[in-house]
Amino acid sequence: VYKLAEYVPDAAKALMEAFWPGPLTIILKKKAIVPDET
């Protein structure tokens, strides 16, 4: 996540810990490494 997102708020960390791996998708500000086409 830290390689793909600009920053990871505490809420995201808490949800990742609680529900990953599993059926939860989180949306964060992206880094330039992720193309707009994606």
Full PDB file with SEQRES, HELIX, SHEET, SSBOND, CRYST1, ORIGX, SCALE, CONECT and MASTER records, all heavy atoms in Angstrom:
SEQRES   1 A   38  VAL TYR LYS LEU ALA GLU TYR VAL PRO ASP ALA ALA LYS          
SEQRES   2 A   38  ALA LEU MET GLU ALA PHE TRP PRO GLY PRO LEU THR ILE          
SEQRES   3 A   38  ILE LEU LYS LYS LYS ALA ILE VAL PRO ASP GLU THR              
HELIX    1 AA1 ASP A   10  PHE A   19  1                                  10    
CRYST1    1.000    1.000    1.000  90.00  90.00  90.00 P 1           1          
ORIGX1      1.000000  0.000000  0.000000        0.00000                         
ORIGX2      0.000000  1.000000  0.000000        0.00000                         
ORIGX3      0.000000  0.000000  1.000000        0.00000                         
SCALE1      1.000000  0.000000  0.000000        0.00000                         
SCALE2      0.000000  1.000000  0.000000        0.00000                         
SCALE3      0.000000  0.000000  1.000000        0.00000                         
ATOM      1  N   VAL A   1       0.839  -1.204   0.000  1.00  0.00           N  
ATOM      2  CA  VAL A   1       0.000   0.000   0.000  1.00  0.00           C  
ATOM      3  C   VAL A   1       0.866   1.243   0.000  1.00  0.00           C  
ATOM      4  O   VAL A   1       0.579   2.225  -0.697  1.00  0.00           O  
ATOM      5  CB  VAL A   1      -0.945   0.005   1.216  1.00  0.00           C  
ATOM      6  CG1 VAL A   1      -1.689   1.328   1.322  1.00  0.00           C  
ATOM      7  CG2 VAL A   1      -1.940  -1.139   1.126  1.00  0.00           C  
ATOM      8  N   TYR A   2       1.938   1.219   0.747  1.00  0.00           N  
ATOM      9  CA  TYR A   2       2.802   2.390   0.888  1.00  0.00           C  
ATOM     10  C   TYR A   2       3.589   2.685  -0.395  1.00  0.00           C  
ATOM     11  O   TYR A   2       4.077   3.800  -0.573  1.00  0.00           O  
ATOM     12  CB  TYR A   2       3.750   2.189   2.068  1.00  0.00           C  
ATOM     13  CG  TYR A   2       3.004   2.029   3.377  1.00  0.00           C  
ATOM     14  CD1 TYR A   2       2.565   0.778   3.796  1.00  0.00           C  
ATOM     15  CD2 TYR A   2       2.718   3.130   4.182  1.00  0.00           C  
ATOM     16  CE1 TYR A   2       1.865   0.619   4.982  1.00  0.00           C  
ATOM     17  CE2 TYR A   2       2.014   2.984   5.377  1.00  0.00           C  
ATOM     18  CZ  TYR A   2       1.587   1.721   5.762  1.00  0.00           C  
ATOM     19  OH  TYR A   2       0.884   1.573   6.937  1.00  0.00           O  
ATOM     20  N   LYS A   3       3.665   1.702  -1.271  1.00  0.00           N  
ATOM     21  CA  LYS A   3       4.339   1.905  -2.557  1.00  0.00           C  
ATOM     22  C   LYS A   3       3.393   2.484  -3.599  1.00  0.00           C  
ATOM     23  O   LYS A   3       3.836   3.029  -4.604  1.00  0.00           O  
ATOM     24  CB  LYS A   3       4.914   0.581  -3.053  1.00  0.00           C  
ATOM     25  CG  LYS A   3       5.895  -0.062  -2.079  1.00  0.00           C  
ATOM     26  CD  LYS A   3       6.268  -1.463  -2.518  1.00  0.00           C  
ATOM     27  CE  LYS A   3       7.135  -2.158  -1.464  1.00  0.00           C  
ATOM     28  NZ  LYS A   3       7.431  -3.572  -1.821  1.00  0.00           N  
ATOM     29  N   LEU A   4       2.094   2.351  -3.340  1.00  0.00           N  
ATOM     30  CA  LEU A   4       1.093   2.784  -4.315  1.00  0.00           C  
ATOM     31  C   LEU A   4       0.392   4.079  -3.923  1.00  0.00           C  
ATOM     32  O   LEU A   4      -0.082   4.806  -4.792  1.00  0.00           O  
ATOM     33  CB  LEU A   4       0.026   1.687  -4.484  1.00  0.00           C  
ATOM     34  CG  LEU A   4       0.520   0.325  -4.992  1.00  0.00           C  
ATOM     35  CD1 LEU A   4      -0.584  -0.715  -4.849  1.00  0.00           C  
ATOM     36  CD2 LEU A   4       0.972   0.429  -6.439  1.00  0.00           C  
ATOM     37  N   ALA A   5       0.335   4.369  -2.618  1.00  0.00           N  
ATOM     38  CA  ALA A   5      -0.431   5.512  -2.119  1.00  0.00           C  
ATOM     39  C   ALA A   5       0.472   6.618  -1.602  1.00  0.00           C  
ATOM     40  O   ALA A   5       1.542   6.356  -1.042  1.00  0.00           O  
ATOM     41  CB  ALA A   5      -1.378   5.061  -1.005  1.00  0.00           C  
ATOM     42  N   GLU A   6       0.023   7.852  -1.784  1.00  0.00           N  
ATOM     43  CA  GLU A   6       0.769   9.018  -1.313  1.00  0.00           C  
ATOM     44  C   GLU A   6       0.899   9.016   0.208  1.00  0.00           C  
ATOM     45  O   GLU A   6       1.945   9.306   0.756  1.00  0.00           O  
ATOM     46  CB  GLU A   6       0.082  10.308  -1.769  1.00  0.00           C  
ATOM     47  CG  GLU A   6       0.357  10.698  -3.205  1.00  0.00           C  
ATOM     48  CD  GLU A   6       1.780  11.193  -3.409  1.00  0.00           C  
ATOM     49  OE1 GLU A   6       2.475  11.473  -2.408  1.00  0.00           O  
ATOM     50  OE2 GLU A   6       2.200  11.306  -4.569  1.00  0.00           O  
ATOM     51  N   TYR A   7      -0.183   8.711   0.886  1.00  0.00           N  
ATOM     52  CA  TYR A   7      -0.150   8.604   2.340  1.00  0.00           C  
ATOM     53  C   TYR A   7      -1.246   7.633   2.779  1.00  0.00           C  
ATOM     54  O   TYR A   7      -2.232   7.409   2.086  1.00  0.00           O  
ATOM     55  CB  TYR A   7      -0.302   9.965   3.012  1.00  0.00           C  
ATOM     56  CG  TYR A   7      -1.650  10.622   2.802  1.00  0.00           C  
ATOM     57  CD1 TYR A   7      -2.699  10.425   3.700  1.00  0.00           C  
ATOM     58  CD2 TYR A   7      -1.874  11.464   1.711  1.00  0.00           C  
ATOM     59  CE1 TYR A   7      -3.930  11.031   3.516  1.00  0.00           C  
ATOM     60  CE2 TYR A   7      -3.105  12.073   1.520  1.00  0.00           C  
ATOM     61  CZ  TYR A   7      -4.123  11.853   2.415  1.00  0.00           C  
ATOM     62  OH  TYR A   7      -5.333  12.446   2.223  1.00  0.00           O  
ATOM     63  N   VAL A   8      -1.040   7.059   3.956  1.00  0.00           N  
ATOM     64  CA  VAL A   8      -1.965   6.064   4.481  1.00  0.00           C  
ATOM     65  C   VAL A   8      -2.446   6.544   5.849  1.00  0.00           C  
ATOM     66  O   VAL A   8      -1.713   6.477   6.835  1.00  0.00           O  
ATOM     67  CB  VAL A   8      -1.292   4.685   4.605  1.00  0.00           C  
ATOM     68  CG1 VAL A   8      -2.304   3.647   5.090  1.00  0.00           C  
ATOM     69  CG2 VAL A   8      -0.671   4.260   3.276  1.00  0.00           C  
ATOM     70  N   PRO A   9      -3.672   7.063   5.950  1.00  0.00           N  
ATOM     71  CA  PRO A   9      -4.164   7.568   7.234  1.00  0.00           C  
ATOM     72  C   PRO A   9      -4.372   6.445   8.247  1.00  0.00           C  
ATOM     73  O   PRO A   9      -4.445   5.266   7.890  1.00  0.00           O  
ATOM     74  CB  PRO A   9      -5.495   8.229   6.860  1.00  0.00           C  
ATOM     75  CG  PRO A   9      -5.914   7.572   5.591  1.00  0.00           C  
ATOM     76  CD  PRO A   9      -4.647   7.224   4.863  1.00  0.00           C  
ATOM     77  N   ASP A  10      -4.475   6.813   9.498  1.00  0.00           N  
ATOM     78  CA  ASP A  10      -4.640   5.829  10.571  1.00  0.00           C  
ATOM     79  C   ASP A  10      -5.882   4.967  10.363  1.00  0.00           C  
ATOM     80  O   ASP A  10      -5.887   3.779  10.688  1.00  0.00           O  
ATOM     81  CB  ASP A  10      -4.719   6.535  11.929  1.00  0.00           C  
ATOM     82  CG  ASP A  10      -3.385   7.125  12.356  1.00  0.00           C  
ATOM     83  OD1 ASP A  10      -2.349   6.696  11.800  1.00  0.00           O  
ATOM     84  OD2 ASP A  10      -3.376   8.007  13.238  1.00  0.00           O  
ATOM     85  N   ALA A  11      -6.948   5.568   9.825  1.00  0.00           N  
ATOM     86  CA  ALA A  11      -8.175   4.801   9.583  1.00  0.00           C  
ATOM     87  C   ALA A  11      -7.922   3.680   8.593  1.00  0.00           C  
ATOM     88  O   ALA A  11      -8.433   2.561   8.745  1.00  0.00           O  
ATOM     89  CB  ALA A  11      -9.283   5.720   9.071  1.00  0.00           C  
ATOM     90  N   ALA A  12      -7.131   3.952   7.563  1.00  0.00           N  
ATOM     91  CA  ALA A  12      -6.806   2.917   6.585  1.00  0.00           C  
ATOM     92  C   ALA A  12      -5.990   1.803   7.227  1.00  0.00           C  
ATOM     93  O   ALA A  12      -6.232   0.608   6.974  1.00  0.00           O  
ATOM     94  CB  ALA A  12      -6.038   3.534   5.414  1.00  0.00           C  
ATOM     95  N   LYS A  13      -5.036   2.182   8.068  1.00  0.00           N  
ATOM     96  CA  LYS A  13      -4.222   1.178   8.755  1.00  0.00           C  
ATOM     97  C   LYS A  13      -5.085   0.276   9.633  1.00  0.00           C  
ATOM     98  O   LYS A  13      -4.893  -0.944   9.672  1.00  0.00           O  
ATOM     99  CB  LYS A  13      -3.145   1.868   9.598  1.00  0.00           C  
ATOM    100  CG  LYS A  13      -2.135   2.671   8.793  1.00  0.00           C  
ATOM    101  CD  LYS A  13      -1.199   3.456   9.713  1.00  0.00           C  
ATOM    102  CE  LYS A  13      -0.275   4.369   8.925  1.00  0.00           C  
ATOM    103  NZ  LYS A  13       0.576   5.204   9.816  1.00  0.00           N  
ATOM    104  N   ALA A  14      -6.047   0.892  10.323  1.00  0.00           N  
ATOM    105  CA  ALA A  14      -6.928   0.116  11.200  1.00  0.00           C  
ATOM    106  C   ALA A  14      -7.795  -0.844  10.400  1.00  0.00           C  
ATOM    107  O   ALA A  14      -7.993  -2.007  10.793  1.00  0.00           O  
ATOM    108  CB  ALA A  14      -7.800   1.068  12.017  1.00  0.00           C  
ATOM    109  N   LEU A  15      -8.312  -0.389   9.256  1.00  0.00           N  
ATOM    110  CA  LEU A  15      -9.158  -1.244   8.427  1.00  0.00           C  
ATOM    111  C   LEU A  15      -8.345  -2.370   7.781  1.00  0.00           C  
ATOM    112  O   LEU A  15      -8.821  -3.507   7.674  1.00  0.00           O  
ATOM    113  CB  LEU A  15      -9.858  -0.413   7.353  1.00  0.00           C  
ATOM    114  CG  LEU A  15     -10.912   0.579   7.849  1.00  0.00           C  
ATOM    115  CD1 LEU A  15     -11.461   1.410   6.699  1.00  0.00           C  
ATOM    116  CD2 LEU A  15     -12.048  -0.152   8.556  1.00  0.00           C  
ATOM    117  N   MET A  16      -7.140  -2.063   7.373  1.00  0.00           N  
ATOM    118  CA  MET A  16      -6.265  -3.090   6.802  1.00  0.00           C  
ATOM    119  C   MET A  16      -5.988  -4.187   7.823  1.00  0.00           C  
ATOM    120  O   MET A  16      -6.036  -5.383   7.514  1.00  0.00           O  
ATOM    121  CB  MET A  16      -4.962  -2.438   6.321  1.00  0.00           C  
ATOM    122  CG  MET A  16      -5.113  -1.593   5.063  1.00  0.00           C  
ATOM    123  SD  MET A  16      -3.827  -0.306   4.874  1.00  0.00           S  
ATOM    124  CE  MET A  16      -2.322  -1.247   5.044  1.00  0.00           C  
ATOM    125  N   GLU A  17      -5.715  -3.759   9.050  1.00  0.00           N  
ATOM    126  CA  GLU A  17      -5.418  -4.724  10.103  1.00  0.00           C  
ATOM    127  C   GLU A  17      -6.644  -5.576  10.448  1.00  0.00           C  
ATOM    128  O   GLU A  17      -6.526  -6.778  10.714  1.00  0.00           O  
ATOM    129  CB  GLU A  17      -4.932  -3.999  11.358  1.00  0.00           C  
ATOM    130  CG  GLU A  17      -4.543  -4.935  12.497  1.00  0.00           C  
ATOM    131  CD  GLU A  17      -3.983  -4.205  13.704  1.00  0.00           C  
ATOM    132  OE1 GLU A  17      -3.751  -2.982  13.612  1.00  0.00           O  
ATOM    133  OE2 GLU A  17      -3.782  -4.859  14.746  1.00  0.00           O  
ATOM    134  N   ALA A  18      -7.814  -4.962  10.400  1.00  0.00           N  
ATOM    135  CA  ALA A  18      -9.038  -5.665  10.787  1.00  0.00           C  
ATOM    136  C   ALA A  18      -9.571  -6.594   9.701  1.00  0.00           C  
ATOM    137  O   ALA A  18     -10.073  -7.685   9.998  1.00  0.00           O  
ATOM    138  CB  ALA A  18     -10.117  -4.651  11.168  1.00  0.00           C  
ATOM    139  N   PHE A  19      -9.445  -6.198   8.430  1.00  0.00           N  
ATOM    140  CA  PHE A  19     -10.178  -6.901   7.378  1.00  0.00           C  
ATOM    141  C   PHE A  19      -9.326  -7.475   6.246  1.00  0.00           C  
ATOM    142  O   PHE A  19      -9.858  -8.114   5.343  1.00  0.00           O  
ATOM    143  CB  PHE A  19     -11.241  -5.974   6.784  1.00  0.00           C  
ATOM    144  CG  PHE A  19     -12.247  -5.503   7.792  1.00  0.00           C  
ATOM    145  CD1 PHE A  19     -12.312  -4.157   8.139  1.00  0.00           C  
ATOM    146  CD2 PHE A  19     -13.115  -6.391   8.408  1.00  0.00           C  
ATOM    147  CE1 PHE A  19     -13.242  -3.706   9.069  1.00  0.00           C  
ATOM    148  CE2 PHE A  19     -14.041  -5.952   9.340  1.00  0.00           C  
ATOM    149  CZ  PHE A  19     -14.105  -4.608   9.670  1.00  0.00           C  
ATOM    150  N   TRP A  20      -8.041  -7.259   6.268  1.00  0.00           N  
ATOM    151  CA  TRP A  20      -7.168  -7.821   5.229  1.00  0.00           C  
ATOM    152  C   TRP A  20      -6.388  -9.008   5.748  1.00  0.00           C  
ATOM    153  O   TRP A  20      -5.970  -8.997   6.908  1.00  0.00           O  
ATOM    154  CB  TRP A  20      -6.203  -6.756   4.730  1.00  0.00           C  
ATOM    155  CG  TRP A  20      -6.777  -5.810   3.726  1.00  0.00           C  
ATOM    156  CD1 TRP A  20      -8.079  -5.713   3.313  1.00  0.00           C  
ATOM    157  CD2 TRP A  20      -6.061  -4.812   2.999  1.00  0.00           C  
ATOM    158  NE1 TRP A  20      -8.216  -4.718   2.391  1.00  0.00           N  
ATOM    159  CE2 TRP A  20      -6.989  -4.145   2.176  1.00  0.00           C  
ATOM    160  CE3 TRP A  20      -4.724  -4.411   2.966  1.00  0.00           C  
ATOM    161  CZ2 TRP A  20      -6.618  -3.093   1.327  1.00  0.00           C  
ATOM    162  CZ3 TRP A  20      -4.359  -3.377   2.133  1.00  0.00           C  
ATOM    163  CH2 TRP A  20      -5.303  -2.723   1.311  1.00  0.00           C  
ATOM    164  N   PRO A  21      -6.177 -10.010   4.913  1.00  0.00           N  
ATOM    165  CA  PRO A  21      -6.754 -10.148   3.574  1.00  0.00           C  
ATOM    166  C   PRO A  21      -8.249 -10.418   3.657  1.00  0.00           C  
ATOM    167  O   PRO A  21      -8.705 -11.102   4.574  1.00  0.00           O  
ATOM    168  CB  PRO A  21      -6.001 -11.331   2.983  1.00  0.00           C  
ATOM    169  CG  PRO A  21      -5.564 -12.138   4.165  1.00  0.00           C  
ATOM    170  CD  PRO A  21      -5.294 -11.156   5.266  1.00  0.00           C  
ATOM    171  N   GLY A  22      -8.993  -9.891   2.700  1.00  0.00           N  
ATOM    172  CA  GLY A  22     -10.432 -10.064   2.713  1.00  0.00           C  
ATOM    173  C   GLY A  22     -11.147  -9.131   1.764  1.00  0.00           C  
ATOM    174  O   GLY A  22     -10.515  -8.375   1.017  1.00  0.00           O  
ATOM    175  N   PRO A  23     -12.484  -9.138   1.799  1.00  0.00           N  
ATOM    176  CA  PRO A  23     -13.299  -8.450   0.795  1.00  0.00           C  
ATOM    177  C   PRO A  23     -13.517  -6.964   1.065  1.00  0.00           C  
ATOM    178  O   PRO A  23     -14.644  -6.474   1.092  1.00  0.00           O  
ATOM    179  CB  PRO A  23     -14.621  -9.225   0.848  1.00  0.00           C  
ATOM    180  CG  PRO A  23     -14.721  -9.655   2.273  1.00  0.00           C  
ATOM    181  CD  PRO A  23     -13.314  -9.968   2.696  1.00  0.00           C  
ATOM    182  N   LEU A  24     -12.432  -6.239   1.290  1.00  0.00           N  
ATOM    183  CA  LEU A  24     -12.501  -4.793   1.508  1.00  0.00           C  
ATOM    184  C   LEU A  24     -11.510  -4.088   0.603  1.00  0.00           C  
ATOM    185  O   LEU A  24     -10.330  -4.443   0.557  1.00  0.00           O  
ATOM    186  CB  LEU A  24     -12.188  -4.440   2.961  1.00  0.00           C  
ATOM    187  CG  LEU A  24     -12.159  -2.937   3.271  1.00  0.00           C  
ATOM    188  CD1 LEU A  24     -13.559  -2.339   3.192  1.00  0.00           C  
ATOM    189  CD2 LEU A  24     -11.525  -2.655   4.636  1.00  0.00           C  
ATOM    190  N   THR A  25     -12.004  -3.075  -0.122  1.00  0.00           N  
ATOM    191  CA  THR A  25     -11.161  -2.231  -0.970  1.00  0.00           C  
ATOM    192  C   THR A  25     -11.100  -0.844  -0.355  1.00  0.00           C  
ATOM    193  O   THR A  25     -12.130  -0.289   0.033  1.00  0.00           O  
ATOM    194  CB  THR A  25     -11.738  -2.143  -2.392  1.00  0.00           C  
ATOM    195  OG1 THR A  25     -11.703  -3.431  -3.007  1.00  0.00           O  
ATOM    196  CG2 THR A  25     -10.955  -1.154  -3.243  1.00  0.00           C  
ATOM    197  N   ILE A  26      -9.894  -0.288  -0.259  1.00  0.00           N  
ATOM    198  CA  ILE A  26      -9.741   1.070   0.254  1.00  0.00           C  
ATOM    199  C   ILE A  26      -9.224   1.972  -0.865  1.00  0.00           C  
ATOM    200  O   ILE A  26      -8.453   1.539  -1.731  1.00  0.00           O  
ATOM    201  CB  ILE A  26      -8.789   1.132   1.469  1.00  0.00           C  
ATOM    202  CG1 ILE A  26      -7.379   0.647   1.093  1.00  0.00           C  
ATOM    203  CG2 ILE A  26      -9.343   0.308   2.617  1.00  0.00           C  
ATOM    204  CD1 ILE A  26      -6.352   0.833   2.209  1.00  0.00           C  
ATOM    205  N   ILE A  27      -9.682   3.220  -0.839  1.00  0.00           N  
ATOM    206  CA  ILE A  27      -9.265   4.198  -1.843  1.00  0.00           C  
ATOM    207  C   ILE A  27      -8.427   5.271  -1.172  1.00  0.00           C  
ATOM    208  O   ILE A  27      -8.835   5.854  -0.162  1.00  0.00           O  
ATOM    209  CB  ILE A  27     -10.478   4.821  -2.542  1.00  0.00           C  
ATOM    210  CG1 ILE A  27     -11.185   3.762  -3.391  1.00  0.00           C  
ATOM    211  CG2 ILE A  27     -10.065   6.006  -3.404  1.00  0.00           C  
ATOM    212  CD1 ILE A  27     -12.384   4.285  -4.153  1.00  0.00           C  
ATOM    213  N   LEU A  28      -7.236   5.511  -1.760  1.00  0.00           N  
ATOM    214  CA  LEU A  28      -6.290   6.483  -1.230  1.00  0.00           C  
ATOM    215  C   LEU A  28      -5.750   7.345  -2.370  1.00  0.00           C  
ATOM    216  O   LEU A  28      -5.909   6.997  -3.550  1.00  0.00           O  
ATOM    217  CB  LEU A  28      -5.124   5.758  -0.540  1.00  0.00           C  
ATOM    218  CG  LEU A  28      -5.481   4.829   0.620  1.00  0.00           C  
ATOM    219  CD1 LEU A  28      -4.285   3.982   1.009  1.00  0.00           C  
ATOM    220  CD2 LEU A  28      -5.992   5.628   1.820  1.00  0.00           C  
ATOM    221  N   LYS A  29      -5.112   8.453  -2.021  1.00  0.00           N  
ATOM    222  CA  LYS A  29      -4.429   9.267  -3.029  1.00  0.00           C  
ATOM    223  C   LYS A  29      -3.300   8.437  -3.626  1.00  0.00           C  
ATOM    224  O   LYS A  29      -2.528   7.805  -2.906  1.00  0.00           O  
ATOM    225  CB  LYS A  29      -3.856  10.536  -2.401  1.00  0.00           C  
ATOM    226  CG  LYS A  29      -4.897  11.494  -1.838  1.00  0.00           C  
ATOM    227  CD  LYS A  29      -5.633  12.238  -2.926  1.00  0.00           C  
ATOM    228  CE  LYS A  29      -6.558  13.290  -2.329  1.00  0.00           C  
ATOM    229  NZ  LYS A  29      -7.318  14.017  -3.361  1.00  0.00           N  
ATOM    230  N   LYS A  30      -3.175   8.439  -4.952  1.00  0.00           N  
ATOM    231  CA  LYS A  30      -2.200   7.565  -5.601  1.00  0.00           C  
ATOM    232  C   LYS A  30      -0.855   8.251  -5.814  1.00  0.00           C  
ATOM    233  O   LYS A  30      -0.765   9.483  -5.898  1.00  0.00           O  
ATOM    234  CB  LYS A  30      -2.737   7.088  -6.952  1.00  0.00           C  
ATOM    235  CG  LYS A  30      -2.648   8.078  -8.108  1.00  0.00           C  
ATOM    236  CD  LYS A  30      -3.168   7.450  -9.389  1.00  0.00           C  
ATOM    237  CE  LYS A  30      -3.017   8.388 -10.592  1.00  0.00           C  
ATOM    238  NZ  LYS A  30      -1.625   8.488 -11.060  1.00  0.00           N  
ATOM    239  N   LYS A  31       0.175   7.417  -5.910  1.00  0.00           N  
ATOM    240  CA  LYS A  31       1.482   7.885  -6.346  1.00  0.00           C  
ATOM    241  C   LYS A  31       1.538   7.859  -7.870  1.00  0.00           C  
ATOM    242  O   LYS A  31       0.742   7.177  -8.523  1.00  0.00           O  
ATOM    243  CB  LYS A  31       2.582   6.997  -5.763  1.00  0.00           C  
ATOM    244  CG  LYS A  31       2.841   7.225  -4.280  1.00  0.00           C  
ATOM    245  CD  LYS A  31       4.038   6.415  -3.793  1.00  0.00           C  
ATOM    246  CE  LYS A  31       4.361   6.748  -2.337  1.00  0.00           C  
ATOM    247  NZ  LYS A  31       5.499   5.956  -1.825  1.00  0.00           N  
ATOM    248  N   ALA A  32       2.513   8.566  -8.420  1.00  0.00           N  
ATOM    249  CA  ALA A  32       2.631   8.666  -9.872  1.00  0.00           C  
ATOM    250  C   ALA A  32       2.927   7.323 -10.526  1.00  0.00           C  
ATOM    251  O   ALA A  32       2.677   7.147 -11.720  1.00  0.00           O  
ATOM    252  CB  ALA A  32       3.720   9.679 -10.239  1.00  0.00           C  
ATOM    253  N   ILE A  33       3.426   6.355  -9.738  1.00  0.00           N  
ATOM    254  CA  ILE A  33       3.749   5.035 -10.279  1.00  0.00           C  
ATOM    255  C   ILE A  33       2.512   4.326 -10.827  1.00  0.00           C  
ATOM    256  O   ILE A  33       2.605   3.490 -11.718  1.00  0.00           O  
ATOM    257  CB  ILE A  33       4.416   4.163  -9.188  1.00  0.00           C  
ATOM    258  CG1 ILE A  33       4.988   2.886  -9.789  1.00  0.00           C  
ATOM    259  CG2 ILE A  33       3.450   3.840  -8.069  1.00  0.00           C  
ATOM    260  CD1 ILE A  33       5.756   2.045  -8.795  1.00  0.00           C  
ATOM    261  N   VAL A  34       1.326   4.696 -10.324  1.00  0.00           N  
ATOM    262  CA  VAL A  34       0.076   4.078 -10.795  1.00  0.00           C  
ATOM    263  C   VAL A  34      -0.454   4.887 -11.975  1.00  0.00           C  
ATOM    264  O   VAL A  34      -0.791   6.064 -11.826  1.00  0.00           O  
ATOM    265  CB  VAL A  34      -0.984   4.040  -9.678  1.00  0.00           C  
ATOM    266  CG1 VAL A  34      -2.220   3.290 -10.156  1.00  0.00           C  
ATOM    267  CG2 VAL A  34      -0.425   3.400  -8.423  1.00  0.00           C  
ATOM    268  N   PRO A  35      -0.536   4.293 -13.160  1.00  0.00           N  
ATOM    269  CA  PRO A  35      -0.951   5.064 -14.339  1.00  0.00           C  
ATOM    270  C   PRO A  35      -2.420   5.464 -14.294  1.00  0.00           C  
ATOM    271  O   PRO A  35      -3.253   4.781 -13.688  1.00  0.00           O  
ATOM    272  CB  PRO A  35      -0.684   4.096 -15.500  1.00  0.00           C  
ATOM    273  CG  PRO A  35      -0.718   2.733 -14.894  1.00  0.00           C  
ATOM    274  CD  PRO A  35      -0.185   2.903 -13.496  1.00  0.00           C  
ATOM    275  N   ASP A  36      -2.724   6.571 -14.942  1.00  0.00           N  
ATOM    276  CA  ASP A  36      -4.106   7.041 -15.009  1.00  0.00           C  
ATOM    277  C   ASP A  36      -5.015   6.026 -15.687  1.00  0.00           C  
ATOM    278  O   ASP A  36      -6.217   5.969 -15.399  1.00  0.00           O  
ATOM    279  CB  ASP A  36      -4.172   8.369 -15.773  1.00  0.00           C  
ATOM    280  CG  ASP A  36      -3.597   9.529 -14.975  1.00  0.00           C  
ATOM    281  OD1 ASP A  36      -3.411   9.370 -13.751  1.00  0.00           O  
ATOM    282  OD2 ASP A  36      -3.329  10.582 -15.574  1.00  0.00           O  
ATOM    283  N   GLU A  37      -4.460   5.229 -16.584  1.00  0.00           N  
ATOM    284  CA  GLU A  37      -5.265   4.219 -17.279  1.00  0.00           C  
ATOM    285  C   GLU A  37      -5.835   3.192 -16.302  1.00  0.00           C  
ATOM    286  O   GLU A  37      -6.894   2.600 -16.557  1.00  0.00           O  
ATOM    287  CB  GLU A  37      -4.420   3.508 -18.344  1.00  0.00           C  
ATOM    288  CG  GLU A  37      -4.130   4.331 -19.580  1.00  0.00           C  
ATOM    289  CD  GLU A  37      -3.006   5.343 -19.384  1.00  0.00           C  
ATOM    290  OE1 GLU A  37      -2.416   5.389 -18.278  1.00  0.00           O  
ATOM    291  OE2 GLU A  37      -2.706   6.084 -20.343  1.00  0.00           O  
ATOM    292  N   THR A  38      -5.143   2.962 -15.194  1.00  0.00           N  
ATOM    293  CA  THR A  38      -5.615   2.015 -14.184  1.00  0.00           C  
ATOM    294  C   THR A  38      -6.671   2.641 -13.284  1.00  0.00           C  
ATOM    295  O   THR A  38      -7.595   1.958 -12.827  1.00  0.00           O  
ATOM    296  CB  THR A  38      -4.434   1.513 -13.330  1.00  0.00           C  
ATOM    297  OG1 THR A  38      -3.507   0.819 -14.184  1.00  0.00           O  
ATOM    298  CG2 THR A  38      -4.895   0.574 -12.224  1.00  0.00           C  
TER     299      THR A  38                                                      
MASTER        0    0    0    1    0    0    0    6  298    1    0    3          
END                                                                             
